Amino acid sequence: MPGAGSAIAANYIYGVAKPDGLTLGIINGGLYLDQILARREIKFDWPGFSWVGSSTPADLLLYMWANSPYKTIHDVRNAEVAPKCGATGAATGGNYVPKLIEETIGAKFNVVLGYQGGADIDLAVEKGEVQCRALGSAGFFSREPFHTWRKKGLVRVLVQTGNKRDARLPDVPTIHELMDQYNTANSSRRLARAMLGAGGFGTWPMIAPPSMPEERLKTLRAAFVKAVNNADLLAEAATRGIEVELIKAEDLKGLAKEVSTQPPEVISSMKKLLGK
């Protein structure tokens, strides 16, 4: 169910699907930002979902097409013309990561919204419509076209959002290192922590409708844990370069309550950053 960075699917799970355990959704972990910003299209209450489970904390990265003139994030910061980055919806990493980089270290990007999905953005990069995209590191290291792009040197990563550098990207600075380098103000650092909290929901957070019968929800959660620890699944994930790390439903539920409540000054900064 594509559209609006999975907001359409989330609205459906929350308000239309029956709470019988037969309809599940895998959504974008950053959608809570849309609710905080009180966007009209949001018809859910983030903490109200029945959380089933997730896997693989979702640190993000920003890649740049290699034949562009932007070889490092410092080149972007010093450029007269901002590179174009593609994104689906406002609450996706494709939109807020470039804008957060601009807010924290002054590297400007022109974000083009409205793509139906990540594959459409990647195709647009190949065609030269845009030059960059922010996405989860798990996706970047686990599938095409990124395997081929990396082998052929067609793409480079400029920034990563984790607290420490990914072992696969030892030469790529984190946003936290860059904020130290450029003496970013504390207010912008607080904003970065609030927005990057989406990573805690993992790469594939699974939800069910609110008000599910407790026993049925327990069954789904137990099945999810069993699946994520399945030896065959883990072996296949390893062949695809996917690092599987279970995130329990209880942790997702607690995090959902935490991130949905932000102080007024952070909300004001988010609205300014995302153009609300």
C-alpha atoms as a PDB file:
ATOM      1  CA  MET A   1       0.000   0.000   0.000  1.00  0.00           C
ATOM      2  CA  PRO A   2       2.325   2.765  -1.235  1.00  0.00           C
ATOM      3  CA  GLY A   3       2.027   6.490  -0.716  1.00  0.00           C
ATOM      4  CA  ALA A   4       3.216   9.351   1.519  1.00  0.00           C
ATOM      5  CA  GLY A   5       6.154   7.454   2.924  1.00  0.00           C
ATOM      6  CA  SER A   6       3.849   4.671   4.252  1.00  0.00           C
ATOM      7  CA  ALA A   7       1.469   7.118   5.978  1.00  0.00           C
ATOM      8  CA  ILE A   8      -1.434   5.808   3.882  1.00  0.00           C
ATOM      9  CA  ALA A   9      -0.727   2.280   5.064  1.00  0.00           C
ATOM     10  CA  ALA A  10      -0.380   3.432   8.678  1.00  0.00           C
ATOM     11  CA  ASN A  11      -3.703   5.280   8.506  1.00  0.00           C
ATOM     12  CA  TYR A  12      -5.344   2.138   7.143  1.00  0.00           C
ATOM     13  CA  ILE A  13      -3.929  -0.102   9.860  1.00  0.00           C
ATOM     14  CA  TYR A  14      -4.983   2.347  12.563  1.00  0.00           C
ATOM     15  CA  GLY A  15      -8.455   3.289  11.421  1.00  0.00           C
ATOM     16  CA  VAL A  16      -9.779   0.751   8.910  1.00  0.00           C
ATOM     17  CA  ALA A  17      -8.264  -2.705   9.433  1.00  0.00           C
ATOM     18  CA  LYS A  18      -9.986  -5.006  11.898  1.00  0.00           C
ATOM     19  CA  PRO A  19      -8.050  -5.780  15.103  1.00  0.00           C
ATOM     20  CA  ASP A  20      -8.176  -9.510  14.406  1.00  0.00           C
ATOM     21  CA  GLY A  21      -4.479 -10.090  13.784  1.00  0.00           C
ATOM     22  CA  LEU A  22      -4.983 -10.810  10.093  1.00  0.00           C
ATOM     23  CA  THR A  23      -3.853  -7.403   8.822  1.00  0.00           C
ATOM     24  CA  LEU A  24      -0.352  -6.196   9.647  1.00  0.00           C
ATOM     25  CA  GLY A  25       1.745  -3.296   8.424  1.00  0.00           C
ATOM     26  CA  ILE A  26       5.456  -2.628   8.036  1.00  0.00           C
ATOM     27  CA  ILE A  27       5.912   1.133   8.065  1.00  0.00           C
ATOM     28  CA  ASN A  28       8.426   3.941   8.170  1.00  0.00           C
ATOM     29  CA  GLY A  29       9.713   4.427  11.716  1.00  0.00           C
ATOM     30  CA  GLY A  30       9.869   8.195  11.276  1.00  0.00           C
ATOM     31  CA  LEU A  31       6.127   8.728  10.820  1.00  0.00           C
ATOM     32  CA  TYR A  32       5.816   9.986  14.385  1.00  0.00           C
ATOM     33  CA  LEU A  33       7.342  13.219  13.106  1.00  0.00           C
ATOM     34  CA  ASP A  34       4.246  13.825  10.971  1.00  0.00           C
ATOM     35  CA  GLN A  35       2.023  13.388  14.012  1.00  0.00           C
ATOM     36  CA  ILE A  36       4.150  15.750  16.123  1.00  0.00           C
ATOM     37  CA  LEU A  37       3.805  18.330  13.369  1.00  0.00           C
ATOM     38  CA  ALA A  38       0.014  17.814  13.302  1.00  0.00           C
ATOM     39  CA  ARG A  39      -0.100  17.145   9.578  1.00  0.00           C
ATOM     40  CA  ARG A  40      -3.672  16.891   8.279  1.00  0.00           C
ATOM     41  CA  GLU A  41      -3.112  13.626   6.454  1.00  0.00           C
ATOM     42  CA  ILE A  42      -2.193  11.776   9.646  1.00  0.00           C
ATOM     43  CA  LYS A  43      -5.126   9.784  11.035  1.00  0.00           C
ATOM     44  CA  PHE A  44      -3.314   7.737  13.679  1.00  0.00           C
ATOM     45  CA  ASP A  45      -1.973   8.096  17.200  1.00  0.00           C
ATOM     46  CA  TRP A  46       1.575   6.726  17.132  1.00  0.00           C
ATOM     47  CA  PRO A  47       1.607   5.177  20.627  1.00  0.00           C
ATOM     48  CA  GLY A  48      -1.820   3.644  19.947  1.00  0.00           C
ATOM     49  CA  PHE A  49      -0.645   1.014  17.467  1.00  0.00           C
ATOM     50  CA  SER A  50      -0.361  -2.586  18.587  1.00  0.00           C
ATOM     51  CA  TRP A  51       3.395  -3.031  18.209  1.00  0.00           C
ATOM     52  CA  VAL A  52       4.443  -6.497  17.044  1.00  0.00           C
ATOM     53  CA  GLY A  53       8.218  -6.172  16.720  1.00  0.00           C
ATOM     54  CA  SER A  54      11.047  -4.924  14.563  1.00  0.00           C
ATOM     55  CA  SER A  55      14.640  -5.673  13.693  1.00  0.00           C
ATOM     56  CA  THR A  56      17.898  -3.925  12.931  1.00  0.00           C
ATOM     57  CA  PRO A  57      18.253  -0.405  14.372  1.00  0.00           C
ATOM     58  CA  ALA A  58      17.885   1.929  11.416  1.00  0.00           C
ATOM     59  CA  ASP A  59      20.882   4.211  11.199  1.00  0.00           C
ATOM     60  CA  LEU A  60      20.718   6.325   8.058  1.00  0.00           C
ATOM     61  CA  LEU A  61      23.186   7.508   5.455  1.00  0.00           C
ATOM     62  CA  LEU A  62      23.216   9.963   2.581  1.00  0.00           C
ATOM     63  CA  TYR A  63      24.662   8.827  -0.718  1.00  0.00           C
ATOM     64  CA  MET A  64      25.733  10.978  -3.664  1.00  0.00           C
ATOM     65  CA  TRP A  65      26.045   9.957  -7.319  1.00  0.00           C
ATOM     66  CA  ALA A  66      29.756   9.686  -7.986  1.00  0.00           C
ATOM     67  CA  ASN A  67      29.920  11.829 -11.136  1.00  0.00           C
ATOM     68  CA  SER A  68      28.422  14.817  -9.325  1.00  0.00           C
ATOM     69  CA  PRO A  69      30.798  17.608  -8.228  1.00  0.00           C
ATOM     70  CA  TYR A  70      30.113  16.890  -4.535  1.00  0.00           C
ATOM     71  CA  LYS A  71      32.858  14.541  -3.386  1.00  0.00           C
ATOM     72  CA  THR A  72      32.488  15.166   0.361  1.00  0.00           C
ATOM     73  CA  ILE A  73      29.916  16.753   2.642  1.00  0.00           C
ATOM     74  CA  HIS A  74      32.279  19.700   2.900  1.00  0.00           C
ATOM     75  CA  ASP A  75      31.914  20.206  -0.867  1.00  0.00           C
ATOM     76  CA  VAL A  76      28.149  20.413  -0.384  1.00  0.00           C
ATOM     77  CA  ARG A  77      28.636  22.910   2.415  1.00  0.00           C
ATOM     78  CA  ASN A  78      30.765  25.140   0.181  1.00  0.00           C
ATOM     79  CA  ALA A  79      28.757  24.717  -3.042  1.00  0.00           C
ATOM     80  CA  GLU A  80      26.997  27.612  -4.763  1.00  0.00           C
ATOM     81  CA  VAL A  81      24.340  25.256  -6.168  1.00  0.00           C
ATOM     82  CA  ALA A  82      22.702  22.810  -3.749  1.00  0.00           C
ATOM     83  CA  PRO A  83      22.431  19.183  -4.930  1.00  0.00           C
ATOM     84  CA  LYS A  84      18.969  17.689  -5.409  1.00  0.00           C
ATOM     85  CA  CYS A  85      17.949  14.793  -3.152  1.00  0.00           C
ATOM     86  CA  GLY A  86      14.870  12.670  -3.830  1.00  0.00           C
ATOM     87  CA  ALA A  87      12.342  11.669  -1.151  1.00  0.00           C
ATOM     88  CA  THR A  88       8.876  10.156  -0.842  1.00  0.00           C
ATOM     89  CA  GLY A  89       7.211  11.866   2.141  1.00  0.00           C
ATOM     90  CA  ALA A  90       8.048  14.633   4.581  1.00  0.00           C
ATOM     91  CA  ALA A  91       8.599  12.299   7.554  1.00  0.00           C
ATOM     92  CA  THR A  92      10.987   9.996   5.713  1.00  0.00           C
ATOM     93  CA  GLY A  93      14.732  10.032   6.186  1.00  0.00           C
ATOM     94  CA  GLY A  94      15.008  11.009   2.541  1.00  0.00           C
ATOM     95  CA  ASN A  95      13.549  14.390   3.476  1.00  0.00           C
ATOM     96  CA  TYR A  96      14.586  15.110   7.037  1.00  0.00           C
ATOM     97  CA  VAL A  97      18.191  13.873   6.921  1.00  0.00           C
ATOM     98  CA  PRO A  98      19.303  16.400   4.245  1.00  0.00           C
ATOM     99  CA  LYS A  99      17.418  19.170   6.045  1.00  0.00           C
ATOM    100  CA  LEU A 100      18.891  18.152   9.386  1.00  0.00           C
ATOM    101  CA  ILE A 101      22.386  18.237   7.899  1.00  0.00           C
ATOM    102  CA  GLU A 102      21.644  21.736   6.610  1.00  0.00           C
ATOM    103  CA  GLU A 103      20.353  22.829  10.027  1.00  0.00           C
ATOM    104  CA  THR A 104      23.274  21.408  11.981  1.00  0.00           C
ATOM    105  CA  ILE A 105      26.316  22.074   9.769  1.00  0.00           C
ATOM    106  CA  GLY A 106      25.072  24.344   6.992  1.00  0.00           C
ATOM    107  CA  ALA A 107      25.361  21.965   4.012  1.00  0.00           C
ATOM    108  CA  LYS A 108      22.384  22.885   1.816  1.00  0.00           C
ATOM    109  CA  PHE A 109      20.255  20.472  -0.198  1.00  0.00           C
ATOM    110  CA  ASN A 110      17.265  20.862  -2.500  1.00  0.00           C
ATOM    111  CA  VAL A 111      14.853  18.054  -1.520  1.00  0.00           C
ATOM    112  CA  VAL A 112      12.408  16.884  -4.208  1.00  0.00           C
ATOM    113  CA  LEU A 113       9.353  15.220  -2.614  1.00  0.00           C
ATOM    114  CA  GLY A 114       6.673  13.036  -4.160  1.00  0.00           C
ATOM    115  CA  TYR A 115       8.403   9.884  -5.386  1.00  0.00           C
ATOM    116  CA  GLN A 116       6.287   6.755  -4.893  1.00  0.00           C
ATOM    117  CA  GLY A 117       9.097   4.652  -3.481  1.00  0.00           C
ATOM    118  CA  GLY A 118      12.821   4.279  -2.980  1.00  0.00           C
ATOM    119  CA  ALA A 119      13.316   2.432  -6.264  1.00  0.00           C
ATOM    120  CA  ASP A 120      11.849   5.414  -8.102  1.00  0.00           C
ATOM    121  CA  ILE A 121      14.348   7.724  -6.411  1.00  0.00           C
ATOM    122  CA  ASP A 122      17.272   5.456  -7.283  1.00  0.00           C
ATOM    123  CA  LEU A 123      16.133   5.412 -10.921  1.00  0.00           C
ATOM    124  CA  ALA A 124      15.885   9.203 -10.839  1.00  0.00           C
ATOM    125  CA  VAL A 125      19.484   9.333  -9.590  1.00  0.00           C
ATOM    126  CA  GLU A 126      20.621   7.160 -12.495  1.00  0.00           C
ATOM    127  CA  LYS A 127      18.759   9.437 -14.919  1.00  0.00           C
ATOM    128  CA  GLY A 128      20.283  12.570 -13.422  1.00  0.00           C
ATOM    129  CA  GLU A 129      17.007  14.042 -12.145  1.00  0.00           C
ATOM    130  CA  VAL A 130      18.473  14.135  -8.631  1.00  0.00           C
ATOM    131  CA  GLN A 131      21.961  13.453  -7.301  1.00  0.00           C
ATOM    132  CA  CYS A 132      21.426  12.113  -3.800  1.00  0.00           C
ATOM    133  CA  ARG A 133      19.214  10.196  -1.420  1.00  0.00           C
ATOM    134  CA  ALA A 134      19.139   9.441   2.312  1.00  0.00           C
ATOM    135  CA  LEU A 135      18.052   5.958   3.361  1.00  0.00           C
ATOM    136  CA  GLY A 136      18.684   3.230   5.916  1.00  0.00           C
ATOM    137  CA  SER A 137      22.127   1.662   5.918  1.00  0.00           C
ATOM    138  CA  ALA A 138      20.545  -1.829   6.059  1.00  0.00           C
ATOM    139  CA  GLY A 139      18.893  -1.293   2.685  1.00  0.00           C
ATOM    140  CA  PHE A 140      22.002   0.258   1.183  1.00  0.00           C
ATOM    141  CA  PHE A 141      24.130  -2.785   2.038  1.00  0.00           C
ATOM    142  CA  SER A 142      21.625  -5.535   1.324  1.00  0.00           C
ATOM    143  CA  ARG A 143      20.158  -5.078  -2.147  1.00  0.00           C
ATOM    144  CA  GLU A 144      20.377  -3.778  -5.672  1.00  0.00           C
ATOM    145  CA  PRO A 145      21.076  -1.407  -7.237  1.00  0.00           C
ATOM    146  CA  PHE A 146      23.503  -0.604  -4.429  1.00  0.00           C
ATOM    147  CA  HIS A 147      25.620  -3.776  -4.748  1.00  0.00           C
ATOM    148  CA  THR A 148      26.307  -2.962  -8.390  1.00  0.00           C
ATOM    149  CA  TRP A 149      26.735   0.746  -7.771  1.00  0.00           C
ATOM    150  CA  ARG A 150      29.362   0.145  -5.098  1.00  0.00           C
ATOM    151  CA  LYS A 151      31.266  -2.384  -7.220  1.00  0.00           C
ATOM    152  CA  LYS A 152      31.373   0.040 -10.151  1.00  0.00           C
ATOM    153  CA  GLY A 153      32.166   3.094  -8.030  1.00  0.00           C
ATOM    154  CA  LEU A 154      28.990   4.863  -9.133  1.00  0.00           C
ATOM    155  CA  VAL A 155      28.016   6.102  -5.684  1.00  0.00           C
ATOM    156  CA  ARG A 156      29.686   7.448  -2.547  1.00  0.00           C
ATOM    157  CA  VAL A 157      28.370   7.925   0.986  1.00  0.00           C
ATOM    158  CA  LEU A 158      28.890  11.408   2.442  1.00  0.00           C
ATOM    159  CA  VAL A 159      27.318  11.216   5.926  1.00  0.00           C
ATOM    160  CA  GLN A 160      26.013   8.587   8.344  1.00  0.00           C
ATOM    161  CA  THR A 161      23.748   9.175  11.341  1.00  0.00           C
ATOM    162  CA  GLY A 162      24.846   6.530  13.843  1.00  0.00           C
ATOM    163  CA  ASN A 163      26.546   7.418  17.099  1.00  0.00           C
ATOM    164  CA  LYS A 164      29.664   5.700  15.767  1.00  0.00           C
ATOM    165  CA  ARG A 165      30.932   4.900  12.290  1.00  0.00           C
ATOM    166  CA  ASP A 166      29.612   1.776  10.622  1.00  0.00           C
ATOM    167  CA  ALA A 167      32.459  -0.717  10.134  1.00  0.00           C
ATOM    168  CA  ARG A 168      31.541  -0.824   6.441  1.00  0.00           C
ATOM    169  CA  LEU A 169      31.933   2.969   6.190  1.00  0.00           C
ATOM    170  CA  PRO A 170      35.118   3.639   8.162  1.00  0.00           C
ATOM    171  CA  ASP A 171      35.985   6.805   6.226  1.00  0.00           C
ATOM    172  CA  VAL A 172      32.525   8.411   6.319  1.00  0.00           C
ATOM    173  CA  PRO A 173      31.911  10.953   9.106  1.00  0.00           C
ATOM    174  CA  THR A 174      28.892  10.752  11.371  1.00  0.00           C
ATOM    175  CA  ILE A 175      26.597  13.728  11.768  1.00  0.00           C
ATOM    176  CA  HIS A 176      27.689  13.860  15.401  1.00  0.00           C
ATOM    177  CA  GLU A 177      31.348  14.203  14.414  1.00  0.00           C
ATOM    178  CA  LEU A 178      30.422  16.932  11.961  1.00  0.00           C
ATOM    179  CA  MET A 179      28.461  18.813  14.620  1.00  0.00           C
ATOM    180  CA  ASP A 180      31.548  18.742  16.824  1.00  0.00           C
ATOM    181  CA  GLN A 181      33.722  19.914  13.934  1.00  0.00           C
ATOM    182  CA  TYR A 182      31.441  22.831  13.101  1.00  0.00           C
ATOM    183  CA  ASN A 183      30.569  23.748  16.713  1.00  0.00           C
ATOM    184  CA  THR A 184      26.830  23.194  16.230  1.00  0.00           C
ATOM    185  CA  ALA A 185      24.599  24.967  18.771  1.00  0.00           C
ATOM    186  CA  ASN A 186      23.033  22.899  21.554  1.00  0.00           C
ATOM    187  CA  SER A 187      19.507  23.670  20.312  1.00  0.00           C
ATOM    188  CA  SER A 188      20.299  22.105  16.930  1.00  0.00           C
ATOM    189  CA  ARG A 189      21.894  19.110  18.619  1.00  0.00           C
ATOM    190  CA  ARG A 190      18.699  18.517  20.635  1.00  0.00           C
ATOM    191  CA  LEU A 191      16.698  18.681  17.429  1.00  0.00           C
ATOM    192  CA  ALA A 192      18.995  16.122  15.820  1.00  0.00           C
ATOM    193  CA  ARG A 193      18.568  13.704  18.739  1.00  0.00           C
ATOM    194  CA  ALA A 194      14.776  13.998  18.590  1.00  0.00           C
ATOM    195  CA  MET A 195      14.561  13.435  14.843  1.00  0.00           C
ATOM    196  CA  LEU A 196      17.113  10.652  14.649  1.00  0.00           C
ATOM    197  CA  GLY A 197      15.205   8.770  17.332  1.00  0.00           C
ATOM    198  CA  ALA A 198      13.370   7.118  14.443  1.00  0.00           C
ATOM    199  CA  GLY A 199      16.306   4.745  14.151  1.00  0.00           C
ATOM    200  CA  GLY A 200      15.220   3.062  17.363  1.00  0.00           C
ATOM    201  CA  PHE A 201      12.120   1.703  15.625  1.00  0.00           C
ATOM    202  CA  GLY A 202      14.321  -0.384  13.379  1.00  0.00           C
ATOM    203  CA  THR A 203      14.382  -0.929   9.669  1.00  0.00           C
ATOM    204  CA  TRP A 204      11.129  -2.909   9.519  1.00  0.00           C
ATOM    205  CA  PRO A 205       8.772  -2.038  12.415  1.00  0.00           C
ATOM    206  CA  MET A 206       5.656  -4.220  12.272  1.00  0.00           C
ATOM    207  CA  ILE A 207       2.334  -2.899  13.564  1.00  0.00           C
ATOM    208  CA  ALA A 208      -1.218  -4.114  14.012  1.00  0.00           C
ATOM    209  CA  PRO A 209      -4.451  -2.186  14.621  1.00  0.00           C
ATOM    210  CA  PRO A 210      -5.192  -0.726  18.058  1.00  0.00           C
ATOM    211  CA  SER A 211      -7.297  -2.572  20.640  1.00  0.00           C
ATOM    212  CA  MET A 212      -6.255  -6.039  19.590  1.00  0.00           C
ATOM    213  CA  PRO A 213      -7.230  -8.842  21.983  1.00  0.00           C
ATOM    214  CA  GLU A 214      -4.265  -9.336  24.301  1.00  0.00           C
ATOM    215  CA  GLU A 215      -3.893 -13.063  23.679  1.00  0.00           C
ATOM    216  CA  ARG A 216      -3.844 -12.608  19.921  1.00  0.00           C
ATOM    217  CA  LEU A 217      -1.239  -9.849  20.210  1.00  0.00           C
ATOM    218  CA  LYS A 218       0.893 -12.087  22.432  1.00  0.00           C
ATOM    219  CA  THR A 219       0.707 -14.786  19.774  1.00  0.00           C
ATOM    220  CA  LEU A 220       1.852 -12.389  17.042  1.00  0.00           C
ATOM    221  CA  ARG A 221       4.694 -11.060  19.161  1.00  0.00           C
ATOM    222  CA  ALA A 222       5.903 -14.538  20.072  1.00  0.00           C
ATOM    223  CA  ALA A 223       5.772 -15.557  16.408  1.00  0.00           C
ATOM    224  CA  PHE A 224       7.771 -12.497  15.414  1.00  0.00           C
ATOM    225  CA  VAL A 225      10.497 -13.267  17.968  1.00  0.00           C
ATOM    226  CA  LYS A 226      10.626 -16.868  16.802  1.00  0.00           C
ATOM    227  CA  ALA A 227      10.869 -15.810  13.160  1.00  0.00           C
ATOM    228  CA  VAL A 228      13.659 -13.297  13.748  1.00  0.00           C
ATOM    229  CA  ASN A 229      15.667 -15.958  15.597  1.00  0.00           C
ATOM    230  CA  ASN A 230      15.039 -18.629  12.971  1.00  0.00           C
ATOM    231  CA  ALA A 231      18.321 -20.164  11.810  1.00  0.00           C
ATOM    232  CA  ASP A 232      17.270 -20.303   8.143  1.00  0.00           C
ATOM    233  CA  LEU A 233      16.207 -16.647   8.176  1.00  0.00           C
ATOM    234  CA  LEU A 234      19.465 -15.592   9.800  1.00  0.00           C
ATOM    235  CA  ALA A 235      21.489 -17.594   7.288  1.00  0.00           C
ATOM    236  CA  GLU A 236      19.673 -16.036   4.341  1.00  0.00           C
ATOM    237  CA  ALA A 237      20.037 -12.565   5.862  1.00  0.00           C
ATOM    238  CA  ALA A 238      23.781 -13.128   6.190  1.00  0.00           C
ATOM    239  CA  THR A 239      24.085 -14.020   2.504  1.00  0.00           C
ATOM    240  CA  ARG A 240      22.355 -10.727   1.667  1.00  0.00           C
ATOM    241  CA  GLY A 241      24.485  -8.651   4.011  1.00  0.00           C
ATOM    242  CA  ILE A 242      21.617  -7.908   6.400  1.00  0.00           C
ATOM    243  CA  GLU A 243      22.446  -7.692  10.098  1.00  0.00           C
ATOM    244  CA  VAL A 244      19.403  -8.916  12.038  1.00  0.00           C
ATOM    245  CA  GLU A 245      18.948  -7.616  15.570  1.00  0.00           C
ATOM    246  CA  LEU A 246      15.627  -8.138  17.341  1.00  0.00           C
ATOM    247  CA  ILE A 247      13.778  -5.101  18.717  1.00  0.00           C
ATOM    248  CA  LYS A 248      11.044  -6.281  21.078  1.00  0.00           C
ATOM    249  CA  ALA A 249       7.491  -4.980  20.974  1.00  0.00           C
ATOM    250  CA  GLU A 250       7.716  -3.739  24.552  1.00  0.00           C
ATOM    251  CA  ASP A 251      10.683  -1.550  23.624  1.00  0.00           C
ATOM    252  CA  LEU A 252       8.858  -0.170  20.587  1.00  0.00           C
ATOM    253  CA  LYS A 253       5.816   0.630  22.706  1.00  0.00           C
ATOM    254  CA  GLY A 254       7.916   2.555  25.225  1.00  0.00           C
ATOM    255  CA  LEU A 255       9.856   4.394  22.542  1.00  0.00           C
ATOM    256  CA  ALA A 256       6.611   5.363  20.797  1.00  0.00           C
ATOM    257  CA  LYS A 257       5.398   7.122  23.930  1.00  0.00           C
ATOM    258  CA  GLU A 258       8.769   8.786  24.460  1.00  0.00           C
ATOM    259  CA  VAL A 259       9.276  10.271  20.995  1.00  0.00           C
ATOM    260  CA  SER A 260       5.677  11.418  20.623  1.00  0.00           C
ATOM    261  CA  THR A 261       6.091  13.920  23.449  1.00  0.00           C
ATOM    262  CA  GLN A 262       8.507  16.727  22.613  1.00  0.00           C
ATOM    263  CA  PRO A 263       9.017  20.143  24.245  1.00  0.00           C
ATOM    264  CA  PRO A 264       7.563  23.171  22.414  1.00  0.00           C
ATOM    265  CA  GLU A 265      10.958  24.473  21.329  1.00  0.00           C
ATOM    266  CA  VAL A 266      11.840  21.186  19.606  1.00  0.00           C
ATOM    267  CA  ILE A 267       8.442  21.048  17.892  1.00  0.00           C
ATOM    268  CA  SER A 268       8.913  24.641  16.708  1.00  0.00           C
ATOM    269  CA  SER A 269      12.323  23.749  15.277  1.00  0.00           C
ATOM    270  CA  MET A 270      10.882  20.660  13.554  1.00  0.00           C
ATOM    271  CA  LYS A 271       8.139  22.732  11.943  1.00  0.00           C
ATOM    272  CA  LYS A 272      10.673  25.213  10.668  1.00  0.00           C
ATOM    273  CA  LEU A 273      12.969  22.474   9.397  1.00  0.00           C
ATOM    274  CA  LEU A 274      10.263  20.507   7.595  1.00  0.00           C
ATOM    275  CA  GLY A 275       8.434  23.524   6.234  1.00  0.00           C
ATOM    276  CA  LYS A 276       5.288  23.136   8.325  1.00  0.00           C
END
